[in-house]
Each structure stands twice: as structure tokens, then as C-alpha cells.
PDB file of N, CA and C in Angstrom:
ATOM      1  N   MET A   1      99.121 107.054  90.497  1.00  0.00           N
ATOM      2  CA  MET A   1      98.497 106.998  91.805  1.00  0.00           C
ATOM      3  C   MET A   1      96.976 106.971  91.647  1.00  0.00           C
ATOM      4  N   LEU A   2      96.341 106.079  92.369  1.00  0.00           N
ATOM      5  CA  LEU A   2      94.883 105.988  92.347  1.00  0.00           C
ATOM      6  C   LEU A   2      94.295 107.067  93.252  1.00  0.00           C
ATOM      7  N   LYS A   3      93.105 107.523  92.922  1.00  0.00           N
ATOM      8  CA  LYS A   3      92.529 108.649  93.648  1.00  0.00           C
ATOM      9  C   LYS A   3      91.383 108.281  94.572  1.00  0.00           C
ATOM     10  N   TYR A   4      90.678 107.226  94.284  1.00  0.00           N
ATOM     11  CA  TYR A   4      89.453 106.920  95.024  1.00  0.00           C
ATOM     12  C   TYR A   4      89.455 105.489  95.544  1.00  0.00           C
ATOM     13  N   ILE A   5      88.774 105.279  96.649  1.00  0.00           N
ATOM     14  CA  ILE A   5      88.558 103.938  97.191  1.00  0.00           C
ATOM     15  C   ILE A   5      87.060 103.735  97.341  1.00  0.00           C
ATOM     16  N   LYS A   6      86.581 102.624  96.821  1.00  0.00           N
ATOM     17  CA  LYS A   6      85.204 102.206  97.087  1.00  0.00           C
ATOM     18  C   LYS A   6      85.280 101.095  98.125  1.00  0.00           C
ATOM     19  N   ARG A   7      84.548 101.253  99.213  1.00  0.00           N
ATOM     20  CA  ARG A   7      84.520 100.238 100.264  1.00  0.00           C
ATOM     21  C   ARG A   7      83.083  99.761 100.433  1.00  0.00           C
ATOM     22  N   PRO A   8      82.758  98.591  99.885  1.00  0.00           N
ATOM     23  CA  PRO A   8      81.394  98.076 100.033  1.00  0.00           C
ATOM     24  C   PRO A   8      81.056  97.852 101.508  1.00  0.00           C
ATOM     25  N   ALA A   9      79.783  97.863 101.829  1.00  0.00           N
ATOM     26  CA  ALA A   9      79.337  97.638 103.209  1.00  0.00           C
ATOM     27  C   ALA A   9      79.852  96.302 103.736  1.00  0.00           C
ATOM     28  N   SER A  10      79.933  95.305 102.869  1.00  0.00           N
ATOM     29  CA  SER A  10      80.430  93.987 103.293  1.00  0.00           C
ATOM     30  C   SER A  10      81.884  94.081 103.757  1.00  0.00           C
ATOM     31  N   PHE A  11      82.685  94.900 103.082  1.00  0.00           N
ATOM     32  CA  PHE A  11      84.076  95.096 103.486  1.00  0.00           C
ATOM     33  C   PHE A  11      84.138  95.773 104.852  1.00  0.00           C
ATOM     34  N   LEU A  12      83.333  96.810 105.051  1.00  0.00           N
ATOM     35  CA  LEU A  12      83.334  97.523 106.329  1.00  0.00           C
ATOM     36  C   LEU A  12      82.913  96.602 107.475  1.00  0.00           C
ATOM     37  N   ARG A  13      81.959  95.714 107.219  1.00  0.00           N
ATOM     38  CA  ARG A  13      81.557  94.733 108.239  1.00  0.00           C
ATOM     39  C   ARG A  13      82.712  93.787 108.564  1.00  0.00           C
ATOM     40  N   GLN A  14      83.453  93.379 107.530  1.00  0.00           N
ATOM     41  CA  GLN A  14      84.582  92.480 107.755  1.00  0.00           C
ATOM     42  C   GLN A  14      85.683  93.163 108.559  1.00  0.00           C
ATOM     43  N   VAL A  15      85.930  94.440 108.281  1.00  0.00           N
ATOM     44  CA  VAL A  15      86.940  95.181 109.040  1.00  0.00           C
ATOM     45  C   VAL A  15      86.521  95.266 110.506  1.00  0.00           C
ATOM     46  N   LYS A  16      85.256  95.517 110.744  1.00  0.00           N
ATOM     47  CA  LYS A  16      84.736  95.580 112.111  1.00  0.00           C
ATOM     48  C   LYS A  16      84.957  94.243 112.829  1.00  0.00           C
ATOM     49  N   LYS A  17      84.701  93.159 112.110  1.00  0.00           N
ATOM     50  CA  LYS A  17      84.893  91.816 112.661  1.00  0.00           C
ATOM     51  C   LYS A  17      86.372  91.571 112.980  1.00  0.00           C
ATOM     52  N   LEU A  18      87.263  92.015 112.089  1.00  0.00           N
ATOM     53  CA  LEU A  18      88.700  91.860 112.314  1.00  0.00           C
ATOM     54  C   LEU A  18      89.158  92.660 113.528  1.00  0.00           C
ATOM     55  N   LYS A  19      88.603  93.849 113.713  1.00  0.00           N
ATOM     56  CA  LYS A  19      88.940  94.657 114.893  1.00  0.00           C
ATOM     57  C   LYS A  19      88.553  93.920 116.173  1.00  0.00           C
ATOM     58  N   ARG A  20      87.386  93.297 116.169  1.00  0.00           N
ATOM     59  CA  ARG A  20      86.941  92.549 117.353  1.00  0.00           C
ATOM     60  C   ARG A  20      87.867  91.367 117.637  1.00  0.00           C
ATOM     61  N   LYS A  21      88.481  90.823 116.580  1.00  0.00           N
ATOM     62  CA  LYS A  21      89.415  89.706 116.739  1.00  0.00           C
ATOM     63  C   LYS A  21      90.839  90.202 117.010  1.00  0.00           C
ATOM     64  N   HIS A  22      91.006  91.501 117.201  1.00  0.00           N
ATOM     65  CA  HIS A  22      92.283  92.145 117.548  1.00  0.00           C
ATOM     66  C   HIS A  22      93.334  92.076 116.438  1.00  0.00           C
ATOM     67  N   TYR A  23      92.892  92.097 115.191  1.00  0.00           N
ATOM     68  CA  TYR A  23      93.831  92.237 114.080  1.00  0.00           C
ATOM     69  C   TYR A  23      94.368  93.664 114.093  1.00  0.00           C
ATOM     70  N   ASP A  24      95.609  93.847 113.644  1.00  0.00           N
ATOM     71  CA  ASP A  24      96.212  95.181 113.565  1.00  0.00           C
ATOM     72  C   ASP A  24      95.748  95.841 112.264  1.00  0.00           C
ATOM     73  N   ILE A  25      94.751  96.689 112.348  1.00  0.00           N
ATOM     74  CA  ILE A  25      94.152  97.321 111.173  1.00  0.00           C
ATOM     75  C   ILE A  25      95.146  98.260 110.485  1.00  0.00           C
ATOM     76  N   ALA A  26      96.168  98.713 111.203  1.00  0.00           N
ATOM     77  CA  ALA A  26      97.202  99.553 110.589  1.00  0.00           C
ATOM     78  C   ALA A  26      97.903  98.796 109.460  1.00  0.00           C
ATOM     79  N   LEU A  27      98.058  97.487 109.603  1.00  0.00           N
ATOM     80  CA  LEU A  27      98.674  96.681 108.540  1.00  0.00           C
ATOM     81  C   LEU A  27      97.809  96.690 107.284  1.00  0.00           C
ATOM     82  N   LEU A  28      96.497  96.607 107.474  1.00  0.00           N
ATOM     83  CA  LEU A  28      95.564  96.678 106.348  1.00  0.00           C
ATOM     84  C   LEU A  28      95.655  98.040 105.673  1.00  0.00           C
ATOM     85  N   LYS A  29      95.689  99.098 106.470  1.00  0.00           N
ATOM     86  CA  LYS A  29      95.780 100.454 105.920  1.00  0.00           C
ATOM     87  C   LYS A  29      97.072 100.642 105.136  1.00  0.00           C
ATOM     88  N   ASN A  30      98.186 100.092 105.638  1.00  0.00           N
ATOM     89  CA  ASN A  30      99.464 100.205 104.923  1.00  0.00           C
ATOM     90  C   ASN A  30      99.416  99.479 103.581  1.00  0.00           C
ATOM     91  N   ALA A  31      98.779  98.314 103.550  1.00  0.00           N
ATOM     92  CA  ALA A  31      98.653  97.570 102.291  1.00  0.00           C
ATOM     93  C   ALA A  31      97.812  98.356 101.293  1.00  0.00           C
ATOM     94  N   ILE A  32      96.702  98.920 101.754  1.00  0.00           N
ATOM     95  CA  ILE A  32      95.844  99.710 100.867  1.00  0.00           C
ATOM     96  C   ILE A  32      96.584 100.950 100.382  1.00  0.00           C
ATOM     97  N   ARG A  33      97.380 101.561 101.253  1.00  0.00           N
ATOM     98  CA  ARG A  33      98.170 102.736 100.858  1.00  0.00           C
ATOM     99  C   ARG A  33      99.156 102.366  99.743  1.00  0.00           C
ATOM    100  N   SER A  34      99.791 101.190  99.853  1.00  0.00           N
ATOM    101  CA  SER A  34     100.721 100.740  98.808  1.00  0.00           C
ATOM    102  C   SER A  34     100.001 100.531  97.481  1.00  0.00           C
ATOM    103  N   ILE A  35      98.775 100.009  97.536  1.00  0.00           N
ATOM    104  CA  ILE A  35      97.987  99.847  96.309  1.00  0.00           C
ATOM    105  C   ILE A  35      97.680 101.212  95.719  1.00  0.00           C
ATOM    106  N   MET A  36      97.233 102.139  96.565  1.00  0.00           N
ATOM    107  CA  MET A  36      96.860 103.481  96.103  1.00  0.00           C
ATOM    108  C   MET A  36      98.044 104.205  95.464  1.00  0.00           C
ATOM    109  N   LEU A  37      99.245 104.003  96.019  1.00  0.00           N
ATOM    110  CA  LEU A  37     100.443 104.653  95.487  1.00  0.00           C
ATOM    111  C   LEU A  37     101.038 103.881  94.317  1.00  0.00           C
ATOM    112  N   ASN A  38     100.435 102.738  93.992  1.00  0.00           N
ATOM    113  CA  ASN A  38     100.902 101.884  92.902  1.00  0.00           C
ATOM    114  C   ASN A  38     102.368 101.502  93.099  1.00  0.00           C
ATOM    115  N   ASN A  39     102.708 101.115  94.321  1.00  0.00           N
ATOM    116  CA  ASN A  39     104.062 100.728  94.674  1.00  0.00           C
ATOM    117  C   ASN A  39     104.264  99.251  94.329  1.00  0.00           C
ATOM    118  N   ALA A  40     104.502  98.977  93.058  1.00  0.00           N
ATOM    119  CA  ALA A  40     104.569  97.603  92.548  1.00  0.00           C
ATOM    120  C   ALA A  40     105.669  96.793  93.227  1.00  0.00           C
ATOM    121  N   GLN A  41     106.818  97.404  93.471  1.00  0.00           N
ATOM    122  CA  GLN A  41     107.932  96.698  94.108  1.00  0.00           C
ATOM    123  C   GLN A  41     107.542  96.217  95.505  1.00  0.00           C
ATOM    124  N   LYS A  42     106.972  97.104  96.300  1.00  0.00           N
ATOM    125  CA  LYS A  42     106.566  96.742  97.661  1.00  0.00           C
ATOM    126  C   LYS A  42     105.435  95.718  97.636  1.00  0.00           C
ATOM    127  N   LEU A  43     104.486  95.887  96.711  1.00  0.00           N
ATOM    128  CA  LEU A  43     103.373  94.942  96.611  1.00  0.00           C
ATOM    129  C   LEU A  43     103.877  93.543  96.276  1.00  0.00           C
ATOM    130  N   ALA A  44     104.837  93.456  95.366  1.00  0.00           N
ATOM    131  CA  ALA A  44     105.346  92.151  94.932  1.00  0.00           C
ATOM    132  C   ALA A  44     106.186  91.481  96.015  1.00  0.00           C
ATOM    133  N   THR A  45     107.044  92.250  96.687  1.00  0.00           N
ATOM    134  CA  THR A  45     107.960  91.639  97.645  1.00  0.00           C
ATOM    135  C   THR A  45     107.352  91.472  99.031  1.00  0.00           C
ATOM    136  N   LYS A  46     106.803  92.528  99.587  1.00  0.00           N
ATOM    137  CA  LYS A  46     106.286  92.466 100.958  1.00  0.00           C
ATOM    138  C   LYS A  46     104.940  91.761 101.041  1.00  0.00           C
ATOM    139  N   TYR A  47     104.067  92.021 100.077  1.00  0.00           N
ATOM    140  CA  TYR A  47     102.696  91.527 100.161  1.00  0.00           C
ATOM    141  C   TYR A  47     102.394  90.354  99.232  1.00  0.00           C
ATOM    142  N   ARG A  48     103.347  89.922  98.417  1.00  0.00           N
ATOM    143  CA  ARG A  48     103.155  88.816  97.462  1.00  0.00           C
ATOM    144  C   ARG A  48     101.888  89.004  96.632  1.00  0.00           C
ATOM    145  N   ASP A  49     101.718  90.198  96.111  1.00  0.00           N
ATOM    146  CA  ASP A  49     100.554  90.555  95.295  1.00  0.00           C
ATOM    147  C   ASP A  49     100.553  89.748  94.001  1.00  0.00           C
ATOM    148  N   HIS A  50      99.386  89.234  93.616  1.00  0.00           N
ATOM    149  CA  HIS A  50      99.276  88.480  92.367  1.00  0.00           C
ATOM    150  C   HIS A  50      97.839  88.481  91.876  1.00  0.00           C
ATOM    151  N   ALA A  51      97.699  88.238  90.573  1.00  0.00           N
ATOM    152  CA  ALA A  51      96.375  88.160  89.943  1.00  0.00           C
ATOM    153  C   ALA A  51      95.743  86.811  90.274  1.00  0.00           C
ATOM    154  N   LEU A  52      94.426  86.799  90.350  1.00  0.00           N
ATOM    155  CA  LEU A  52      93.689  85.564  90.609  1.00  0.00           C
ATOM    156  C   LEU A  52      93.137  85.001  89.302  1.00  0.00           C
ATOM    157  N   LYS A  53      92.822  83.714  89.310  1.00  0.00           N
ATOM    158  CA  LYS A  53      92.317  83.031  88.119  1.00  0.00           C
ATOM    159  C   LYS A  53      90.932  82.465  88.391  1.00  0.00           C
ATOM    160  N   GLY A  54      90.337  81.914  87.364  1.00  0.00           N
ATOM    161  CA  GLY A  54      89.046  81.247  87.510  1.00  0.00           C
ATOM    162  C   GLY A  54      87.916  82.226  87.731  1.00  0.00           C
ATOM    163  N   GLU A  55      87.048  81.915  88.696  1.00  0.00           N
ATOM    164  CA  GLU A  55      85.894  82.772  88.976  1.00  0.00           C
ATOM    165  C   GLU A  55      86.297  84.177  89.411  1.00  0.00           C
ATOM    166  N   LEU A  56      87.488  84.303  89.969  1.00  0.00           N
ATOM    167  CA  LEU A  56      87.956  85.603  90.452  1.00  0.00           C
ATOM    168  C   LEU A  56      88.928  86.277  89.480  1.00  0.00           C
ATOM    169  N   ALA A  57      88.929  85.857  88.230  1.00  0.00           N
ATOM    170  CA  ALA A  57      89.775  86.500  87.221  1.00  0.00           C
ATOM    171  C   ALA A  57      89.421  87.983  87.164  1.00  0.00           C
ATOM    172  N   GLY A  58      90.442  88.814  87.091  1.00  0.00           N
ATOM    173  CA  GLY A  58      90.233  90.258  87.093  1.00  0.00           C
ATOM    174  C   GLY A  58      90.468  90.867  88.469  1.00  0.00           C
ATOM    175  N   PHE A  59      90.537  90.012  89.490  1.00  0.00           N
ATOM    176  CA  PHE A  59      90.818  90.466  90.846  1.00  0.00           C
ATOM    177  C   PHE A  59      92.263  90.159  91.191  1.00  0.00           C
ATOM    178  N   ARG A  60      92.758  90.795  92.233  1.00  0.00           N
ATOM    179  CA  ARG A  60      94.106  90.561  92.716  1.00  0.00           C
ATOM    180  C   ARG A  60      94.038  90.194  94.189  1.00  0.00           C
ATOM    181  N   GLU A  61      95.101  89.554  94.670  1.00  0.00           N
ATOM    182  CA  GLU A  61      95.172  89.163  96.077  1.00  0.00           C
ATOM    183  C   GLU A  61      96.540  89.536  96.610  1.00  0.00           C
ATOM    184  N   LEU A  62      96.579  89.973  97.850  1.00  0.00           N
ATOM    185  CA  LEU A  62      97.855  90.191  98.516  1.00  0.00           C
ATOM    186  C   LEU A  62      97.769  89.655  99.932  1.00  0.00           C
ATOM    187  N   HIS A  63      98.941  89.375 100.503  1.00  0.00           N
ATOM    188  CA  HIS A  63      99.040  88.812 101.846  1.00  0.00           C
ATOM    189  C   HIS A  63      99.460  89.918 102.806  1.00  0.00           C
ATOM    190  N   ILE A  64      98.552  90.322 103.679  1.00  0.00           N
ATOM    191  CA  ILE A  64      98.879  91.323 104.690  1.00  0.00           C
ATOM    192  C   ILE A  64      99.767  90.668 105.738  1.00  0.00           C
ATOM    193  N   GLN A  65      99.411  89.468 106.142  1.00  0.00           N
ATOM    194  CA  GLN A  65     100.230  88.602 106.983  1.00  0.00           C
ATOM    195  C   GLN A  65     100.096  87.200 106.407  1.00  0.00           C
ATOM    196  N   ALA A  66     100.763  86.236 107.021  1.00  0.00           N
ATOM    197  CA  ALA A  66     100.794  84.884 106.458  1.00  0.00           C
ATOM    198  C   ALA A  66      99.397  84.336 106.159  1.00  0.00           C
ATOM    199  N   ASP A  67      98.450  84.505 107.069  1.00  0.00           N
ATOM    200  CA  ASP A  67      97.108  83.962 106.854  1.00  0.00           C
ATOM    201  C   ASP A  67      96.053  85.066 106.908  1.00  0.00           C
ATOM    202  N   TRP A  68      96.409  86.223 106.368  1.00  0.00           N
ATOM    203  CA  TRP A  68      95.480  87.359 106.315  1.00  0.00           C
ATOM    204  C   TRP A  68      95.577  87.950 104.919  1.00  0.00           C
ATOM    205  N   LEU A  69      94.526  87.781 104.134  1.00  0.00           N
ATOM    206  CA  LEU A  69      94.547  88.138 102.719  1.00  0.00           C
ATOM    207  C   LEU A  69      93.615  89.300 102.426  1.00  0.00           C
ATOM    208  N   LEU A  70      93.939  90.016 101.376  1.00  0.00           N
ATOM    209  CA  LEU A  70      93.071  91.078 100.872  1.00  0.00           C
ATOM    210  C   LEU A  70      92.848  90.819  99.390  1.00  0.00           C
ATOM    211  N   ILE A  71      91.600  90.687  98.991  1.00  0.00           N
ATOM    212  CA  ILE A  71      91.243  90.534  97.580  1.00  0.00           C
ATOM    213  C   ILE A  71      90.663  91.858  97.124  1.00  0.00           C
ATOM    214  N   TYR A  72      91.153  92.347  95.973  1.00  0.00           N
ATOM    215  CA  TYR A  72      90.725  93.662  95.506  1.00  0.00           C
ATOM    216  C   TYR A  72      90.736  93.708  93.990  1.00  0.00           C
ATOM    217  N   LYS A  73      90.150  94.769  93.460  1.00  0.00           N
ATOM    218  CA  LYS A  73      90.125  94.981  92.013  1.00  0.00           C
ATOM    219  C   LYS A  73      90.383  96.456  91.746  1.00  0.00           C
ATOM    220  N   ILE A  74      91.219  96.732  90.774  1.00  0.00           N
ATOM    221  CA  ILE A  74      91.477  98.109  90.367  1.00  0.00           C
ATOM    222  C   ILE A  74      90.762  98.338  89.050  1.00  0.00           C
ATOM    223  N   GLU A  75      89.938  99.357  89.013  1.00  0.00           N
ATOM    224  CA  GLU A  75      89.238  99.742  87.789  1.00  0.00           C
ATOM    225  C   GLU A  75      90.011 100.898  87.175  1.00  0.00           C
ATOM    226  N   TYR A  76      90.808 100.587  86.171  1.00  0.00           N
ATOM    227  CA  TYR A  76      91.715 101.581  85.601  1.00  0.00           C
ATOM    228  C   TYR A  76      90.991 102.725  84.903  1.00  0.00           C
ATOM    229  N   ASP A  77      89.833 102.474  84.336  1.00  0.00           N
ATOM    230  CA  ASP A  77      89.168 103.524  83.579  1.00  0.00           C
ATOM    231  C   ASP A  77      88.728 104.686  84.460  1.00  0.00           C
ATOM    232  N   THR A  78      88.441 104.424  85.725  1.00  0.00           N
ATOM    233  CA  THR A  78      88.032 105.504  86.623  1.00  0.00           C
ATOM    234  C   THR A  78      89.030 105.709  87.758  1.00  0.00           C
ATOM    235  N   LEU A  79      90.145 105.010  87.691  1.00  0.00           N
ATOM    236  CA  LEU A  79      91.141 105.094  88.752  1.00  0.00           C
ATOM    237  C   LEU A  79      90.520 104.883  90.121  1.00  0.00           C
ATOM    238  N   THR A  80      89.775 103.800  90.211  1.00  0.00           N
ATOM    239  CA  THR A  80      89.095 103.469  91.454  1.00  0.00           C
ATOM    240  C   THR A  80      89.577 102.121  91.964  1.00  0.00           C
ATOM    241  N   LEU A  81      89.894 102.069  93.227  1.00  0.00           N
ATOM    242  CA  LEU A  81      90.252 100.812  93.875  1.00  0.00           C
ATOM    243  C   LEU A  81      89.012 100.303  94.582  1.00  0.00           C
ATOM    244  N   VAL A  82      88.594  99.114  94.233  1.00  0.00           N
ATOM    245  CA  VAL A  82      87.430  98.516  94.879  1.00  0.00           C
ATOM    246  C   VAL A  82      87.944  97.422  95.808  1.00  0.00           C
ATOM    247  N   VAL A  83      87.883  97.664  97.098  1.00  0.00           N
ATOM    248  CA  VAL A  83      88.330  96.680  98.068  1.00  0.00           C
ATOM    249  C   VAL A  83      87.208  95.669  98.233  1.00  0.00           C
ATOM    250  N   ILE A  84      87.498  94.403  97.987  1.00  0.00           N
ATOM    251  CA  ILE A  84      86.455  93.397  97.931  1.00  0.00           C
ATOM    252  C   ILE A  84      86.289  92.652  99.250  1.00  0.00           C
ATOM    253  N   THR A  85      87.328  92.033  99.749  1.00  0.00           N
ATOM    254  CA  THR A  85      87.179  91.246 100.969  1.00  0.00           C
ATOM    255  C   THR A  85      88.523  91.057 101.643  1.00  0.00           C
ATOM    256  N   THR A  86      88.490  90.684 102.882  1.00  0.00           N
ATOM    257  CA  THR A  86      89.703  90.446 103.641  1.00  0.00           C
ATOM    258  C   THR A  86      89.440  89.310 104.618  1.00  0.00           C
ATOM    259  N   GLY A  87      90.468  88.578 104.976  1.00  0.00           N
ATOM    260  CA  GLY A  87      90.332  87.471 105.910  1.00  0.00           C
ATOM    261  C   GLY A  87      91.399  86.421 105.654  1.00  0.00           C
ATOM    262  N   SER A  88      91.287  85.290 106.334  1.00  0.00           N
ATOM    263  CA  SER A  88      92.263  84.219 106.172  1.00  0.00           C
ATOM    264  C   SER A  88      91.915  83.376 104.944  1.00  0.00           C
ATOM    265  N   HIS A  89      92.817  82.461 104.573  1.00  0.00           N
ATOM    266  CA  HIS A  89      92.543  81.562 103.445  1.00  0.00           C
ATOM    267  C   HIS A  89      91.250  80.783 103.688  1.00  0.00           C
ATOM    268  N   ASP A  90      91.064  80.314 104.917  1.00  0.00           N
ATOM    269  CA  ASP A  90      89.856  79.544 105.233  1.00  0.00           C
ATOM    270  C   ASP A  90      88.593  80.372 105.041  1.00  0.00           C
ATOM    271  N   ASP A  91      88.655  81.660 105.392  1.00  0.00           N
ATOM    272  CA  ASP A  91      87.492  82.531 105.250  1.00  0.00           C
ATOM    273  C   ASP A  91      87.172  82.820 103.788  1.00  0.00           C
ATOM    274  N   LEU A  92      88.203  82.905 102.952  1.00  0.00           N
ATOM    275  CA  LEU A  92      88.021  83.391 101.587  1.00  0.00           C
ATOM    276  C   LEU A  92      87.814  82.290 100.557  1.00  0.00           C
ATOM    277  N   PHE A  93      88.415  81.118 100.761  1.00  0.00           N
ATOM    278  CA  PHE A  93      88.348  80.086  99.724  1.00  0.00           C
ATOM    279  C   PHE A  93      87.740  78.812 100.248  1.00  0.00           C
TER     280      PHE A  93
END
């Protein structure tokens, strides 16, 4: 189980923007909770969690909903989850 979450200011701004667009932030919280609990089965099946390649190698992506993604990185040496960004495919890529 991971112990800490780092949330950059850019992430907090994006969450605020998603709230204004009436996204269900509880879904985001549930996805982050699954990451924190290291629930690999749920991450793989429900959220289609996978590693990214290329410029984003070392990061992971999961699908909160069909067109709502969360990109994150886990730093194993300090057991820290760094939440990087959230949004649709169009917003992220």
C-alpha cells in the first residue's frame, strides 16, 4: 500500500476545471484509492491500467471513464504516488 500522494498545482487546477464541467470527482477518487491500495486486479479490469511508452515512459495511464484518463507515476523508492494529469484523450495527447 502506498502512503503518500503528491498533487502538483497543475493537477489541482485540472480537478477544479473538471468540477466546473460537472465530472463526477468521486470516480477520480475511487481510481486513486485503487492505486493507493495497489489493487492490481481492479486497476487492470475496471480501469484498463497500462504503462506508457515514448516520451511518457515510466508513467502509467488508466481510464476513469471511456474518455476520461488519469496519467500518473509511482515512485517506489519513497512509496509516493505522483498524480500527473487528468482529462480526455484530446486534452492529453
